[in-house]
């Protein structure tokens, strides 16, 4: 699994995951939609930690600097 996410992409995903968590845990977005946001935030956080997004592969997107 090669890295395909750059630092800016990773930081943006972590920020979005934090916003989703705050929206859910402060009961601003409750219920099913809130749970969907938390799960999506978890996926964003996981992909930013491992620097790999599987959805980038079919489109040939690569935001990291090549060596």
Protein backbone atom coordinates (compact mmCIF):
# COMPACT_ATOMS: atom_id res chain seq x y z
CA UNK A 1 0.00 0.00 0.00
CA UNK A 2 1.76 3.14 -1.22
CA UNK A 3 1.02 6.53 0.28
CA UNK A 4 -1.23 8.65 -1.88
CA UNK A 5 -2.16 11.47 0.52
CA UNK A 6 -0.16 14.61 1.16
CA UNK A 7 0.14 16.49 4.44
CA UNK A 8 -2.49 19.12 3.56
CA UNK A 9 -5.01 16.42 2.65
CA UNK A 10 -4.34 14.58 5.90
CA UNK A 11 -4.73 17.72 8.04
CA UNK A 12 -8.00 18.64 6.34
CA UNK A 13 -9.37 15.15 6.97
CA UNK A 14 -8.44 15.29 10.67
CA UNK A 15 -10.15 18.67 11.02
CA UNK A 16 -13.30 17.39 9.30
CA UNK A 17 -13.32 14.31 11.56
CA UNK A 18 -13.04 16.54 14.65
CA UNK A 19 -15.90 18.76 13.43
CA UNK A 20 -18.10 15.69 12.85
CA UNK A 21 -17.32 14.40 16.36
CA UNK A 22 -18.12 17.76 17.96
CA UNK A 23 -21.40 18.02 16.04
CA UNK A 24 -22.46 14.58 17.24
CA UNK A 25 -21.29 14.68 20.85
CA UNK A 26 -22.74 18.17 21.45
CA UNK A 27 -26.10 16.85 20.12
CA UNK A 28 -26.18 19.35 17.27
CA UNK A 29 -26.67 16.50 14.80
CA UNK A 30 -28.36 13.67 16.70
CA UNK A 31 -29.72 10.33 15.59
CA UNK A 32 -28.87 8.36 12.51
CA UNK A 33 -27.32 11.26 10.64
CA UNK A 34 -25.05 11.91 13.62
CA UNK A 35 -23.91 8.29 13.68
CA UNK A 36 -23.22 8.39 9.96
CA UNK A 37 -21.09 11.51 10.48
CA UNK A 38 -19.15 9.85 13.31
CA UNK A 39 -18.47 6.77 11.19
CA UNK A 40 -17.41 8.93 8.24
CA UNK A 41 -15.18 10.93 10.58
CA UNK A 42 -13.61 7.69 11.77
CA UNK A 43 -12.88 6.69 8.19
CA UNK A 44 -11.36 10.13 7.53
CA UNK A 45 -9.20 9.82 10.63
CA UNK A 46 -8.06 6.30 9.75
CA UNK A 47 -7.17 7.20 6.17
CA UNK A 48 -5.24 10.25 7.34
CA UNK A 49 -3.26 8.17 9.84
CA UNK A 50 -2.23 5.58 7.26
CA UNK A 51 -1.81 8.20 4.46
CA UNK A 52 -3.75 6.07 2.02
CA UNK A 53 -7.19 6.62 0.50
CA UNK A 54 -8.56 3.67 -1.49
CA UNK A 55 -10.97 5.94 -3.38
CA UNK A 56 -8.02 7.77 -4.94
CA UNK A 57 -6.80 4.62 -6.75
CA UNK A 58 -9.47 4.31 -9.48
CA UNK A 59 -9.17 8.01 -10.31
CA UNK A 60 -5.36 8.10 -10.21
CA UNK A 61 -5.32 10.88 -7.64
CA UNK A 62 -2.14 11.32 -5.63
CA UNK A 63 -1.72 14.38 -3.37
CA UNK A 64 1.62 13.42 -1.85
CA UNK A 65 4.94 14.61 -3.20
CA UNK A 66 6.72 12.00 -5.28
CA UNK A 67 10.25 11.02 -4.38
